[in-house]
Every structure is written in C-alpha cells, then in structure tokens.
Amino acid sequence: MVKSCAEFGSSVLLDINDGDRMTFARLHSTSTLKIGNTKCTLEALVGQPFGAVFEMQSERNSSKLVRMPNVSDVNGRNEKRQQIETDQDSEDVKDRDNRALVDDNKAQTLSSDDIDRMKRDGASGKEIIDALVANSASFETKTAFSQEKYMKKKQKKYAPRVLLRRPSARSICEAYFVKDPRKIGFCRMDTLALMMSLANVGPNSDILVLESLGGLITAAVTERLGGHGSICSTYYTTKRPPIDMVRLLNLDDATALSVLRAPLEKLVAARQSALRSKDQNGVGVAEREALAQALSTLEEPKNSTIGQNATDAVVNDSPSMAVEALSTETPVTESMDVDKETTNIISPAQNTTDGVVEDSQIKDMEAPSTEMSVKQNMDLDQKTSHSLPAEDREEDACELGDKEANPTAVGEGKASKGPRPGNEATSADIFKWANQGFSSLLVAAPELDAWTVVKQLIPLLSSSSPFVIYSPYQQPLAECMFQLQKNNMAIALQLTEPWCREYQVLPLRSHPHMQMSATGGFTLSGIRITNCV
C-alpha cells in the first residue's frame, strides 16, 4: 500500500525552491539539510503528508522548517503578491514600463548590515522581504511582471521553500535527468513512460530487465506491477550491478520480494533445457540453436584474448567488427579462475524426466565464474559501487552531487528496513521462467551493442511477447532493427524518438520553456515471433 505520509526511515525527495535543486534523503531524527550557508533538521518532515510545502525560518541561533498552512502560501503568494495580481488590469499598471530604470545599486536603501541585524533579531523571511520592498525606490515604478519576479527572487534567498515529494519512478527520473543525466543514460521521464507502455508492463506479468542505469528501469517496472507479478533483473557480470534506485520507492514487503536477480547464463541454460522437450514435435529447434549460441558466447574465458577483443568490438563498434576480431585472432589457451561453489551447468546431453527440466537440476546450477569481458567496459561508478558497503551504495545512489543540499542521516530513530529488493532468484522461479518464458523484455544498457544483447535475450521470451530496447543513440538501434528483420525474429518493429516540451502557463505570459533537452533517447520496440523452420 502506498504511504501518504513521511515516516522514520522513509526515503523522500526534497524539491527546493520550485525545482532549483532536488535531492533525496532518508528521514531520521538527526537528518539535516543544508541550503546555502544555512543548515536545518528534517525532523519536522516526519509525519507530514507528501505534497506539503515547508519554509525555512531563521531563529537567533538556528533555522527550522515550518509547514505552510494554507493554499495561498503553498502557491508562494503573500498579500503583496495578491495585490500585484489584482492591479495587473488597471490602466496605471498597464502603462508602466522599465525604460526609466537604471541599475546603479542606489535604489535599495536597506544595507546588508541592516538585513543581518534583522536576522539576529529573529525576523522571519516574510518580514525581511517586506522591508526590502518598502525600502526600494524603484519597486513601484516596475511593471507587475517585474515586481513578481523581484518578489520571487527575494523569497528564494531569504525564505527558501522545500516541497516534500514522494519518490516515484517519474520523480526519480526527473531529479536525475536535471542534476546528473549521465547516471540514467540520459533517459527522460516521457521516454521511461513510453517504454513501460510499449513493453505492456502490468500486474501479473513476468518481466525481464537488463539495465545499467542504476535501477531506474527496474524501479519503474516494480512500481507498475505493485507486487503482483515478478521482475527478474539479469546481468552479464559475476558481480551484480547496483539497482539501488529501487530502494528509494519505500516498497512494502510483498513488492520488495517480487524483485529478483539472476545471471544471464543461468537463465539461458535453464531455458535451453526446457525447450529440449519440444524436439519430438519439431518445435523449438530454432530457439535451442539461438540459446546454444548465446550460451557459448556467455561461457567465453575471461582471460581469452579472443573474447576480449570481440567484446570490445561489439561494445565500441558493431557486431560485424566482433566477427572480424574472432576470425583474425589466434586461439590462445589460458588458465581460468573458478570459484569454489561453481558447479556444472546442465548440458544438452543430460536426460530429464518427461523431457522437462527438473527443479533439482536447476537448483544445482550455479553461475560460472567466467568473467565476461563486457565487465571491462562497465561504468566506473558501477565498479566503485560494488566495493562499497550496502549503506554507502544506497547513499551514493540517492545523492545527486549537490554539495549545497546534501542530507546526512544518523542512526538515531532508524526504522526497520524490511526485505531488501533484489534477492537472488530461487530454483522454483528459474524453473517457472524457463518453461513459461517471460512476458516482456526491457533493455537499457547503452554501453553494450544492442543486437549482441537482444539476440541472447529474445529466446527467453514467450511467443508474441513485446520487448523494448533503449539507447541514447539511434545507430545501434537501427542496426539491431535491421538484424531482427533479417532473421525473422520480431514483427511490428518501431524505432521512436519521443519529444517533450514543458510550457509555462501564467496570465498573459504562457509560453514554452526556452531551455529544454534536445532529446530524451531512442527506443526500439517490437513483438517476438517464433521461427520454427
């Protein structure tokens, strides 16, 4: 169930001064927020409903957040602003302009020492703003729009406001896209929504996700399913890439347990064994061949020069260069490190009861310790995150790099966290996915070649299942689209670039925002078909 109020231990999104800065925080009794040179505690946010607006008020020796009580204050308007809007239609205001204004720094008679004295005396932000307006020689000669801009500027400086927002897939994507879009692969919120729609993500579905965006796609899928269904976040490497953005959603126990993780080689091996039962009817031959090829690719030794050069070509250029690298290199025999817990994957020659893979066989499967050379191309932030403790990784995922608004949390008053999303998938889960297939596929790994990844993942889907691939670049998706058409693997293929523009809607000044992102990325969508020939 979605919580309507912030509680101890909850993750919250703090929107400071109407989107000027956004930062995440986990509420504890000693959590603090720094805005400019002023620091205040976040304890006042505990128990307050999401959507509440708070104003920072200075006291003699400290500052605190005070909730704005009514709708007019929430909209950032005081009596002076309401009077400005009332006078906008008067003839006197319409005849005003700014041609006579001279910026000589002499219009304001209130000095900085006077403002500091008011702060030490405990004056509120509203009182300081009213004093600035009263001592401004040019305020009354400005247009109504200029007056409102002046008021808004002073309000942000002397009485900053904080909007308490519930972390959601949209708000997380929006916050990271504004502050550090590189961490989410420059994926815009409208692109994320389009991916959820094209992949037909909904309750009672089994969704396969491969991403390197810090868990953004997994978080969006988890929010859509609401605990009804399962999400498998797969990965290539032996170390699981972080998906800490999922923890920002304040999930309940049932929803958190629906997020599972499994290595790709284990899913491919289980699916290959399950499809072996269809040989008697002449069905599944094409799928088994594709899975066998994918499995052989995943089992390349980590020290092999062939595998390293081929993967580098795939990541940096195209599949054709990978084939060329394989053909030009000389085979070299290298030793391979193996973990103590590594066991053999089910081979195609093994017998199964009634031609279906047994639960016990899948249970014995462990991910091979073979290190994918793709790991060498992983983002540096992901490598650093693996070496950090769990709590440090979470704070690193929550922080947007804003030194001026960096919430810190101490353990006092900490609530129980409950189940952590992203547990390892059980043998029963893999058995179900292997026999039924996934109902949807979402891929968002810009550092990997789209076609190389998709040709390994599509056989894991059931027939007529939708899939979506995201990339900030168009060319890799165009090549992948051509290969899918050439190999008769999918229909209804669409290469899309979503477009979004925000508008300001205010009286007599409605217009689109001038500074918007040029692109939010590209998506390739389609429906998987089975080639039985």
Protein backbone atom coordinates (compact mmCIF):
# COMPACT_ATOMS: atom_id res chain seq x y z
CA MET A 1 0.00 0.00 0.00
CA VAL A 2 1.29 3.47 -0.91
CA LYS A 3 2.05 5.59 2.15
CA SER A 4 0.56 9.06 2.24
CA CYS A 5 2.86 10.47 4.94
CA ALA A 6 6.60 10.51 5.53
CA GLU A 7 7.78 8.23 8.34
CA PHE A 8 11.03 7.49 10.13
CA GLY A 9 13.27 5.59 7.73
CA SER A 10 11.33 6.69 4.65
CA SER A 11 13.09 7.97 1.55
CA VAL A 12 11.84 11.37 0.43
CA LEU A 13 12.54 13.73 -2.44
CA LEU A 14 13.11 17.34 -1.41
CA ASP A 15 12.24 19.88 -4.10
CA ILE A 16 13.96 23.12 -3.10
CA ASN A 17 12.69 26.45 -4.43
CA ASP A 18 10.41 25.10 -7.14
CA GLY A 19 12.90 22.80 -8.86
CA ASP A 20 16.08 24.84 -8.39
CA ARG A 21 17.60 21.87 -6.59
CA MET A 22 16.31 18.38 -5.87
CA THR A 23 17.87 15.90 -3.50
CA PHE A 24 16.96 12.61 -1.83
CA ALA A 25 17.08 11.98 1.90
CA ARG A 26 16.23 9.21 4.35
CA LEU A 27 14.43 10.61 7.36
CA HIS A 28 15.95 10.07 10.80
CA SER A 29 15.80 12.08 13.98
CA THR A 30 19.10 13.82 13.22
CA SER A 31 18.90 14.17 9.43
CA THR A 32 19.88 17.64 8.26
CA LEU A 33 19.55 19.68 5.08
CA LYS A 34 21.88 22.49 4.02
CA ILE A 35 20.61 25.28 1.76
CA GLY A 36 23.27 27.85 1.03
CA ASN A 37 25.03 28.56 4.31
CA THR A 38 22.04 27.57 6.43
CA LYS A 39 21.54 24.11 7.89
CA CYS A 40 18.33 22.81 9.43
CA THR A 41 16.99 19.50 10.71
CA LEU A 42 14.50 17.38 8.78
CA GLU A 43 12.68 16.11 11.86
CA ALA A 44 9.77 18.44 11.08
CA LEU A 45 9.04 16.41 7.92
CA VAL A 46 8.28 13.20 9.84
CA GLY A 47 4.54 12.52 9.92
CA GLN A 48 3.74 15.17 7.31
CA PRO A 49 1.83 14.31 4.11
CA PHE A 50 3.61 14.15 0.79
CA GLY A 51 2.96 17.34 -1.16
CA ALA A 52 3.34 19.60 1.88
CA VAL A 53 5.40 22.78 1.46
CA PHE A 54 7.79 23.98 4.15
CA GLU A 55 9.53 27.31 4.57
CA MET A 56 12.91 27.75 6.20
CA GLN A 57 12.63 30.24 9.04
CA SER A 58 15.68 31.64 10.80
CA GLU A 59 15.88 31.94 14.55
CA ARG A 60 18.54 33.53 16.73
CA ASN A 61 20.96 30.60 16.68
CA SER A 62 19.39 28.11 14.29
CA SER A 63 16.93 27.55 11.47
CA LYS A 64 13.96 25.26 11.12
CA LEU A 65 11.42 24.13 8.54
CA VAL A 66 7.86 25.31 9.16
CA ARG A 67 4.95 23.97 7.16
CA MET A 68 3.00 26.49 5.10
CA PRO A 69 -0.56 26.37 6.47
CA ASN A 70 -2.85 27.32 3.58
CA VAL A 71 -3.23 27.13 -0.18
CA SER A 72 -2.20 30.71 -0.86
CA ASP A 73 1.11 30.16 0.91
CA VAL A 74 1.63 26.87 -0.93
CA ASN A 75 1.40 28.76 -4.21
CA GLY A 76 4.13 31.05 -2.96
CA ARG A 77 1.92 34.15 -2.68
CA ASN A 78 1.63 36.60 0.14
CA GLU A 79 -0.60 39.63 0.47
CA LYS A 80 1.74 41.78 -1.60
CA ARG A 81 1.71 39.33 -4.50
CA GLN A 82 -2.05 39.06 -4.40
CA GLN A 83 -2.24 42.86 -4.59
CA ILE A 84 0.11 42.79 -7.60
CA GLU A 85 -2.14 40.36 -9.45
CA THR A 86 -5.22 42.42 -8.58
CA ASP A 87 -3.64 45.57 -10.01
CA GLN A 88 -2.45 43.96 -13.25
CA ASP A 89 -5.56 45.01 -15.17
CA SER A 90 -5.53 48.62 -14.02
CA GLU A 91 -4.62 51.30 -16.56
CA ASP A 92 -1.84 52.66 -14.36
CA VAL A 93 -0.06 49.29 -14.26
CA LYS A 94 -0.52 48.67 -17.99
CA ASP A 95 1.14 52.00 -18.82
CA ARG A 96 4.25 51.18 -16.81
CA ASP A 97 7.50 50.01 -18.38
CA ASN A 98 11.12 49.59 -17.34
CA ARG A 99 12.69 52.11 -19.70
CA ALA A 100 13.46 54.59 -16.92
CA LEU A 101 15.08 52.05 -14.60
CA VAL A 102 18.84 52.50 -14.11
CA ASP A 103 20.84 49.76 -12.41
CA ASP A 104 23.15 51.90 -10.27
CA ASN A 105 22.73 49.95 -6.99
CA LYS A 106 21.20 53.01 -5.33
CA ALA A 107 17.54 52.02 -5.42
CA GLN A 108 17.76 49.91 -2.24
CA THR A 109 18.34 51.88 0.92
CA LEU A 110 18.39 48.82 3.20
CA SER A 111 22.00 47.71 3.64
CA SER A 112 23.33 44.20 4.19
CA ASP A 113 24.18 45.11 7.79
CA ASP A 114 20.55 46.01 8.38
CA ILE A 115 19.44 42.65 6.97
CA ASP A 116 21.94 40.78 9.16
CA ARG A 117 20.68 42.69 12.18
CA MET A 118 17.10 41.68 11.36
CA LYS A 119 18.18 38.03 11.11
CA ARG A 120 19.91 38.19 14.50
CA ASP A 121 16.78 39.71 15.99
CA GLY A 122 14.77 36.72 14.73
CA ALA A 123 12.93 38.38 11.85
CA SER A 124 11.18 35.96 9.52
CA GLY A 125 11.81 35.76 5.80
CA LYS A 126 8.49 37.47 5.05
CA GLU A 127 9.41 40.42 7.28
CA ILE A 128 12.77 40.82 5.52
CA ILE A 129 11.12 40.72 2.08
CA ASP A 130 8.53 43.32 3.11
CA ALA A 131 11.32 45.55 4.41
CA LEU A 132 13.22 45.23 1.12
CA VAL A 133 10.12 46.16 -0.85
CA ALA A 134 9.35 49.13 1.39
CA ASN A 135 12.90 50.48 1.07
CA SER A 136 13.15 50.02 -2.70
CA ALA A 137 12.87 53.27 -4.64
CA SER A 138 12.20 51.55 -7.96
CA PHE A 139 9.74 48.83 -6.95
CA GLU A 140 6.58 50.88 -7.51
CA THR A 141 7.73 52.01 -10.96
CA LYS A 142 8.26 48.46 -12.23
CA THR A 143 5.73 46.52 -14.25
CA ALA A 144 3.59 43.93 -12.49
CA PHE A 145 5.64 41.12 -14.01
CA SER A 146 8.91 42.69 -12.85
CA GLN A 147 7.51 43.14 -9.37
CA GLU A 148 6.54 39.48 -9.18
CA LYS A 149 9.99 38.41 -10.39
CA TYR A 150 11.57 40.62 -7.73
CA MET A 151 9.42 39.09 -5.01
CA LYS A 152 10.18 35.56 -6.14
CA LYS A 153 13.91 36.20 -6.24
CA LYS A 154 13.97 37.61 -2.71
CA GLN A 155 11.76 34.80 -1.43
CA LYS A 156 14.22 32.17 -2.69
CA LYS A 157 17.08 33.95 -0.94
CA TYR A 158 15.58 34.84 2.43
CA ALA A 159 12.71 32.34 2.81
CA PRO A 160 13.54 29.23 0.75
CA ARG A 161 10.76 26.69 0.40
CA VAL A 162 11.01 22.90 0.38
CA LEU A 163 8.38 20.68 -1.24
CA LEU A 164 8.10 17.19 0.27
CA ARG A 165 7.62 14.75 -2.62
CA ARG A 166 7.07 11.01 -2.65
CA PRO A 167 9.83 9.19 -4.59
CA SER A 168 8.33 7.58 -7.68
CA ALA A 169 9.72 6.38 -10.97
CA ARG A 170 8.82 9.71 -12.55
CA SER A 171 10.25 11.89 -9.79
CA ILE A 172 13.46 9.84 -9.59
CA CYS A 173 13.94 10.07 -13.35
CA GLU A 174 13.14 13.78 -13.32
CA ALA A 175 15.55 14.53 -10.48
CA TYR A 176 18.46 12.63 -12.01
CA PHE A 177 17.78 13.99 -15.51
CA VAL A 178 18.03 17.56 -14.20
CA LYS A 179 21.08 17.05 -11.99
CA ASP A 180 23.14 14.20 -13.47
CA PRO A 181 21.55 12.64 -16.59
CA ARG A 182 24.65 10.54 -17.27
CA LYS A 183 23.76 8.22 -14.38
CA ILE A 184 20.46 7.28 -16.04
CA GLY A 185 21.77 7.17 -19.60
CA PHE A 186 20.05 10.48 -20.49
CA CYS A 187 16.65 8.77 -20.22
CA ARG A 188 13.89 11.36 -19.88
CA MET A 189 10.68 10.73 -17.93
CA ASP A 190 8.49 10.66 -21.05
CA THR A 191 10.84 8.09 -22.60
CA LEU A 192 10.56 5.97 -19.46
CA ALA A 193 6.76 6.11 -19.61
CA LEU A 194 6.82 5.17 -23.30
CA MET A 195 8.98 2.13 -22.52
CA MET A 196 6.52 0.93 -19.89
CA SER A 197 3.64 1.26 -22.36
CA LEU A 198 5.38 -0.39 -25.33
CA ALA A 199 6.52 -3.31 -23.16
CA ASN A 200 2.96 -3.80 -21.86
CA VAL A 201 4.16 -3.75 -18.26
CA GLY A 202 1.26 -4.52 -15.94
CA PRO A 203 0.22 -6.66 -12.96
CA ASN A 204 0.54 -10.45 -13.07
CA SER A 205 3.42 -10.34 -15.55
CA ASP A 206 6.92 -11.79 -15.56
CA ILE A 207 9.27 -9.02 -16.71
CA LEU A 208 12.90 -9.49 -17.73
CA VAL A 209 15.11 -6.40 -17.32
CA LEU A 210 18.72 -5.85 -18.34
CA GLU A 211 19.96 -2.38 -17.45
CA SER A 212 22.93 -0.33 -16.36
CA LEU A 213 21.04 2.79 -15.25
CA GLY A 214 21.32 2.23 -11.51
CA GLY A 215 17.95 0.50 -11.21
CA LEU A 216 15.74 3.14 -12.86
CA ILE A 217 14.03 0.70 -15.25
CA THR A 218 13.64 -1.91 -12.52
CA ALA A 219 12.11 0.71 -10.21
CA ALA A 220 9.61 1.78 -12.87
CA VAL A 221 8.59 -1.83 -13.56
CA THR A 222 8.28 -2.56 -9.84
CA GLU A 223 6.03 0.45 -9.39
CA ARG A 224 3.82 -0.67 -12.28
CA LEU A 225 3.44 -4.25 -11.03
CA GLY A 226 2.73 -3.25 -7.42
CA GLY A 227 3.76 -6.65 -6.06
CA HIS A 228 1.54 -8.61 -8.49
CA GLY A 229 3.98 -10.47 -10.71
CA SER A 230 7.74 -10.86 -10.78
CA ILE A 231 10.71 -8.87 -12.04
CA CYS A 232 13.98 -10.54 -12.98
CA SER A 233 16.87 -8.10 -13.20
CA THR A 234 19.54 -10.05 -15.05
CA TYR A 235 23.21 -9.21 -15.58
CA TYR A 236 26.26 -10.33 -17.54
CA THR A 237 28.98 -9.99 -14.94
CA THR A 238 29.82 -12.12 -11.93
CA LYS A 239 29.29 -9.10 -9.66
CA ARG A 240 25.76 -7.81 -9.71
CA PRO A 241 25.46 -4.19 -10.88
CA PRO A 242 23.62 -1.97 -8.37
CA ILE A 243 19.89 -1.26 -8.62
CA ASP A 244 19.73 0.98 -5.55
CA MET A 245 17.16 3.33 -7.08
CA VAL A 246 14.56 0.65 -6.34
CA ARG A 247 15.07 1.22 -2.62
CA LEU A 248 14.02 4.85 -2.96
CA LEU A 249 10.41 3.79 -3.62
CA ASN A 250 9.62 2.83 0.02
CA LEU A 251 8.34 -0.58 -1.07
CA ASP A 252 6.27 -2.82 1.16
CA ASP A 253 7.40 -6.37 1.89
CA ALA A 254 5.40 -8.08 -0.86
CA THR A 255 6.53 -5.66 -3.55
CA ALA A 256 10.17 -5.79 -2.47
CA LEU A 257 10.19 -9.60 -2.62
CA SER A 258 8.91 -9.52 -6.21
CA VAL A 259 12.22 -8.02 -7.42
CA LEU A 260 14.61 -10.88 -8.11
CA ARG A 261 18.02 -11.18 -9.75
CA ALA A 262 19.65 -13.96 -11.76
CA PRO A 263 22.72 -14.18 -14.01
CA LEU A 264 22.00 -14.38 -17.71
CA GLU A 265 23.92 -17.61 -18.25
CA LYS A 266 21.72 -19.41 -15.72
CA LEU A 267 18.53 -18.21 -17.43
CA VAL A 268 19.81 -19.22 -20.87
CA ALA A 269 20.85 -22.70 -19.70
CA ALA A 270 17.51 -23.35 -18.00
CA ARG A 271 15.53 -22.14 -21.00
CA GLN A 272 17.61 -24.30 -23.34
CA SER A 273 16.91 -27.40 -21.28
CA ALA A 274 13.19 -26.63 -21.12
CA LEU A 275 12.91 -26.23 -24.90
CA ARG A 276 14.55 -29.61 -25.45
CA SER A 277 11.22 -31.27 -24.69
CA LYS A 278 9.74 -29.83 -27.90
CA ASP A 279 12.08 -31.73 -30.24
CA GLN A 280 9.65 -34.61 -30.66
CA ASN A 281 7.07 -32.30 -32.23
CA GLY A 282 9.60 -30.45 -34.35
CA VAL A 283 9.09 -27.27 -32.39
CA GLY A 284 11.74 -25.31 -30.55
CA VAL A 285 14.70 -26.21 -32.78
CA ALA A 286 15.35 -22.61 -33.78
CA GLU A 287 15.07 -21.45 -30.17
CA ARG A 288 17.51 -24.09 -28.96
CA GLU A 289 20.04 -23.15 -31.61
CA ALA A 290 19.81 -19.49 -30.67
CA LEU A 291 20.15 -20.31 -26.97
CA ALA A 292 23.11 -22.59 -27.61
CA GLN A 293 24.86 -19.82 -29.47
CA ALA A 294 24.08 -17.35 -26.69
CA LEU A 295 25.31 -19.76 -24.02
CA SER A 296 28.58 -20.35 -25.85
CA THR A 297 29.10 -16.60 -26.00
CA LEU A 298 28.48 -16.22 -22.28
CA GLU A 299 30.95 -19.00 -21.41
CA GLU A 300 33.99 -17.35 -23.03
CA PRO A 301 37.01 -17.40 -20.68
CA LYS A 302 37.71 -14.08 -19.06
CA ASN A 303 41.41 -14.17 -19.92
CA SER A 304 40.88 -15.15 -23.52
CA THR A 305 42.29 -12.61 -25.94
CA ILE A 306 39.66 -13.64 -28.48
CA GLY A 307 36.74 -12.92 -26.18
CA GLN A 308 38.21 -9.65 -25.00
CA ASN A 309 38.83 -8.26 -28.48
CA ALA A 310 35.48 -9.45 -29.76
CA THR A 311 33.57 -7.86 -26.90
CA ASP A 312 35.49 -4.61 -27.25
CA ALA A 313 34.48 -4.55 -30.90
CA VAL A 314 30.86 -5.25 -30.00
CA VAL A 315 30.70 -2.54 -27.37
CA ASN A 316 32.53 0.12 -29.30
CA ASP A 317 31.55 -0.55 -32.87
CA SER A 318 29.30 -3.19 -34.42
CA PRO A 319 28.65 -6.96 -34.50
CA SER A 320 30.43 -7.23 -37.83
CA MET A 321 33.65 -6.00 -36.24
CA ALA A 322 33.23 -8.59 -33.49
CA VAL A 323 33.05 -11.38 -36.07
CA GLU A 324 36.14 -9.98 -37.78
CA ALA A 325 38.00 -9.89 -34.48
CA LEU A 326 37.14 -13.55 -33.84
CA SER A 327 38.39 -14.57 -37.26
CA THR A 328 41.68 -12.66 -37.14
CA GLU A 329 42.86 -13.58 -33.66
CA THR A 330 44.96 -16.66 -32.94
CA PRO A 331 43.48 -19.02 -30.33
CA VAL A 332 45.36 -18.86 -27.06
CA THR A 333 44.94 -21.30 -24.17
CA GLU A 334 44.71 -19.54 -20.86
CA SER A 335 44.00 -20.68 -17.31
CA MET A 336 40.59 -19.79 -15.91
CA ASP A 337 39.81 -18.95 -12.29
CA VAL A 338 36.90 -20.89 -10.85
CA ASP A 339 35.02 -20.18 -7.65
CA LYS A 340 34.78 -22.88 -5.02
CA GLU A 341 30.99 -23.00 -5.28
CA THR A 342 30.95 -23.27 -9.08
CA THR A 343 29.15 -26.33 -10.45
CA ASN A 344 28.44 -27.52 -13.97
CA ILE A 345 25.51 -26.18 -15.98
CA ILE A 346 23.02 -28.71 -17.31
CA SER A 347 24.36 -29.93 -20.62
CA PRO A 348 22.08 -30.67 -23.59
CA ALA A 349 23.03 -34.34 -23.37
CA GLN A 350 21.56 -34.82 -19.89
CA ASN A 351 18.27 -36.67 -19.63
CA THR A 352 15.25 -35.19 -17.89
CA THR A 353 12.03 -36.72 -16.74
CA ASP A 354 9.30 -36.42 -19.43
CA GLY A 355 11.57 -34.17 -21.43
CA VAL A 356 11.18 -31.23 -19.00
CA VAL A 357 13.97 -29.78 -16.92
CA GLU A 358 13.71 -30.85 -13.29
CA ASP A 359 13.61 -28.44 -10.37
CA SER A 360 16.52 -30.24 -8.70
CA GLN A 361 18.68 -29.82 -11.78
CA ILE A 362 18.11 -26.09 -11.87
CA LYS A 363 18.82 -25.91 -8.17
CA ASP A 364 22.24 -27.46 -8.76
CA MET A 365 23.08 -24.85 -11.36
CA GLU A 366 25.35 -22.05 -10.28
CA ALA A 367 26.60 -19.12 -12.29
CA PRO A 368 30.00 -19.98 -13.78
CA SER A 369 32.87 -17.89 -12.55
CA THR A 370 33.73 -16.96 -16.10
CA GLU A 371 34.24 -13.20 -16.13
CA MET A 372 32.57 -11.52 -19.09
CA SER A 373 34.90 -9.17 -20.89
CA VAL A 374 31.96 -6.79 -21.07
CA LYS A 375 32.75 -6.07 -17.45
CA GLN A 376 35.84 -4.19 -18.56
CA ASN A 377 33.54 -1.68 -20.24
CA MET A 378 31.27 -1.12 -17.26
CA ASP A 379 30.86 2.39 -15.96
CA LEU A 380 33.43 3.50 -13.40
CA ASP A 381 30.71 4.47 -10.96
CA GLN A 382 29.31 0.93 -11.03
CA LYS A 383 32.76 -0.54 -10.32
CA THR A 384 33.17 1.78 -7.36
CA SER A 385 29.70 0.96 -6.05
CA HIS A 386 30.50 -2.76 -5.85
CA SER A 387 33.38 -2.13 -3.48
CA LEU A 388 31.27 -0.03 -1.13
CA PRO A 389 29.12 -1.34 1.73
CA ALA A 390 25.40 -1.61 1.12
CA GLU A 391 24.55 1.57 3.02
CA ASP A 392 27.24 3.58 1.23
CA ARG A 393 25.99 2.37 -2.15
CA GLU A 394 22.49 3.48 -1.24
CA GLU A 395 23.63 6.95 -0.18
CA ASP A 396 25.71 7.21 -3.35
CA ALA A 397 22.65 6.36 -5.42
CA CYS A 398 20.50 8.84 -3.51
CA GLU A 399 22.94 11.73 -3.69
CA LEU A 400 22.71 13.95 -6.75
CA GLY A 401 26.08 15.56 -6.21
CA ASP A 402 24.69 18.77 -4.71
CA LYS A 403 27.04 20.00 -2.02
CA GLU A 404 24.65 22.77 -1.07
CA ALA A 405 21.76 20.41 -0.39
CA ASN A 406 23.27 17.24 0.95
CA PRO A 407 21.13 15.45 3.58
CA THR A 408 23.00 13.38 6.13
CA ALA A 409 21.40 10.68 8.22
CA VAL A 410 22.45 9.31 11.59
CA GLY A 411 21.23 6.06 13.09
CA GLU A 412 19.06 7.52 15.84
CA GLY A 413 15.39 6.83 15.33
CA LYS A 414 16.08 4.46 12.45
CA ALA A 415 13.15 2.31 11.41
CA SER A 416 13.37 -1.31 10.30
CA LYS A 417 14.04 -1.56 6.58
CA GLY A 418 12.28 -4.84 5.87
CA PRO A 419 13.15 -7.06 2.92
CA ARG A 420 15.75 -5.69 0.55
CA PRO A 421 14.67 -5.78 -3.12
CA GLY A 422 16.89 -7.72 -5.47
CA ASN A 423 17.27 -11.10 -3.78
CA GLU A 424 18.72 -13.96 -5.80
CA ALA A 425 16.09 -15.90 -7.73
CA THR A 426 15.26 -19.35 -6.35
CA SER A 427 15.29 -22.57 -8.34
CA ALA A 428 11.49 -22.52 -8.45
CA ASP A 429 11.49 -19.06 -10.03
CA ILE A 430 14.02 -20.07 -12.69
CA PHE A 431 12.06 -23.27 -13.36
CA LYS A 432 8.89 -21.23 -13.97
CA TRP A 433 10.62 -18.71 -16.23
CA ALA A 434 12.37 -21.46 -18.19
CA ASN A 435 9.17 -23.32 -19.01
CA GLN A 436 6.79 -20.40 -19.48
CA GLY A 437 9.09 -17.70 -20.78
CA PHE A 438 8.99 -14.05 -19.81
CA SER A 439 6.04 -11.91 -20.83
CA SER A 440 8.07 -8.73 -21.52
CA LEU A 441 11.66 -7.61 -22.01
CA LEU A 442 13.23 -4.22 -21.32
CA VAL A 443 16.86 -3.47 -22.16
CA ALA A 444 18.68 -0.27 -21.19
CA ALA A 445 22.43 -0.83 -21.40
CA PRO A 446 23.92 1.91 -23.60
CA GLU A 447 27.47 0.60 -23.20
CA LEU A 448 26.58 -2.73 -24.85
CA ASP A 449 25.80 -3.38 -28.50
CA ALA A 450 22.04 -3.65 -28.86
CA TRP A 451 21.95 -6.56 -31.34
CA THR A 452 24.50 -8.64 -29.42
CA VAL A 453 22.38 -8.35 -26.29
CA VAL A 454 18.95 -8.76 -27.88
CA LYS A 455 19.77 -11.94 -29.81
CA GLN A 456 20.65 -13.59 -26.48
CA LEU A 457 17.63 -12.29 -24.58
CA ILE A 458 14.79 -12.72 -27.09
CA PRO A 459 14.78 -16.56 -26.88
CA LEU A 460 13.97 -16.18 -23.18
CA LEU A 461 10.61 -14.60 -24.06
CA SER A 462 7.43 -16.49 -24.74
CA SER A 463 5.90 -16.17 -28.18
CA SER A 464 4.15 -12.87 -29.03
CA SER A 465 5.80 -11.08 -26.11
CA PRO A 466 6.73 -7.39 -26.50
CA PHE A 467 10.22 -6.04 -25.97
CA VAL A 468 11.75 -2.55 -25.77
CA ILE A 469 15.40 -1.52 -26.12
CA TYR A 470 16.56 1.92 -25.02
CA SER A 471 19.67 3.76 -26.15
CA PRO A 472 20.71 7.41 -26.16
CA TYR A 473 21.96 6.82 -29.72
CA GLN A 474 19.99 5.99 -32.84
CA GLN A 475 22.52 3.99 -34.88
CA PRO A 476 22.85 0.91 -32.59
CA LEU A 477 19.07 0.53 -32.55
CA ALA A 478 18.87 0.91 -36.33
CA GLU A 479 21.40 -1.91 -36.78
CA CYS A 480 19.51 -4.06 -34.27
CA MET A 481 16.23 -3.39 -36.10
CA PHE A 482 17.80 -4.50 -39.40
CA GLN A 483 19.11 -7.74 -37.87
CA LEU A 484 15.75 -8.55 -36.28
CA GLN A 485 14.02 -8.12 -39.64
CA LYS A 486 16.69 -10.11 -41.45
CA ASN A 487 16.43 -13.08 -39.07
CA ASN A 488 12.61 -13.02 -38.84
CA MET A 489 12.74 -12.73 -35.06
CA ALA A 490 10.20 -9.95 -34.50
CA ILE A 491 7.33 -8.03 -36.05
CA ALA A 492 5.80 -4.58 -35.50
CA LEU A 493 9.26 -3.06 -35.12
CA GLN A 494 9.27 0.67 -34.36
CA LEU A 495 12.23 2.97 -33.84
CA THR A 496 10.96 6.00 -31.92
CA GLU A 497 12.37 9.25 -30.58
CA PRO A 498 9.92 10.77 -28.08
CA TRP A 499 9.64 14.55 -27.88
CA CYS A 500 8.57 16.55 -24.87
CA ARG A 501 8.44 20.25 -24.09
CA GLU A 502 7.31 21.95 -20.90
CA TYR A 503 5.08 25.02 -21.02
CA GLN A 504 4.71 27.88 -18.60
CA VAL A 505 1.02 28.70 -18.16
CA LEU A 506 0.50 32.05 -16.44
CA PRO A 507 -1.80 35.02 -17.16
CA LEU A 508 -0.59 36.98 -20.21
CA ARG A 509 2.73 35.10 -20.30
CA SER A 510 2.11 31.49 -21.34
CA HIS A 511 4.92 30.16 -23.50
CA PRO A 512 7.11 27.06 -23.90
CA HIS A 513 10.27 26.90 -21.85
CA MET A 514 13.24 28.14 -23.81
CA GLN A 515 15.80 25.80 -22.25
CA MET A 516 14.78 22.19 -22.82
CA SER A 517 16.67 18.98 -23.57
CA ALA A 518 17.29 18.26 -27.23
CA THR A 519 16.49 14.56 -26.91
CA GLY A 520 15.42 12.01 -24.34
CA GLY A 521 16.88 8.97 -26.10
CA PHE A 522 15.58 6.43 -28.61
CA THR A 523 13.51 3.27 -28.21
CA LEU A 524 13.21 0.19 -30.39
CA SER A 525 10.10 -1.88 -29.75
CA GLY A 526 8.63 -4.99 -31.29
CA ILE A 527 6.88 -8.32 -30.73
CA ARG A 528 8.81 -11.56 -30.61
CA ILE A 529 7.80 -14.30 -33.07
CA THR A 530 8.89 -17.94 -33.21
CA ASN A 531 10.74 -19.17 -36.27
CA CYS A 532 10.02 -22.90 -36.46
CA VAL A 533 11.88 -23.55 -39.70
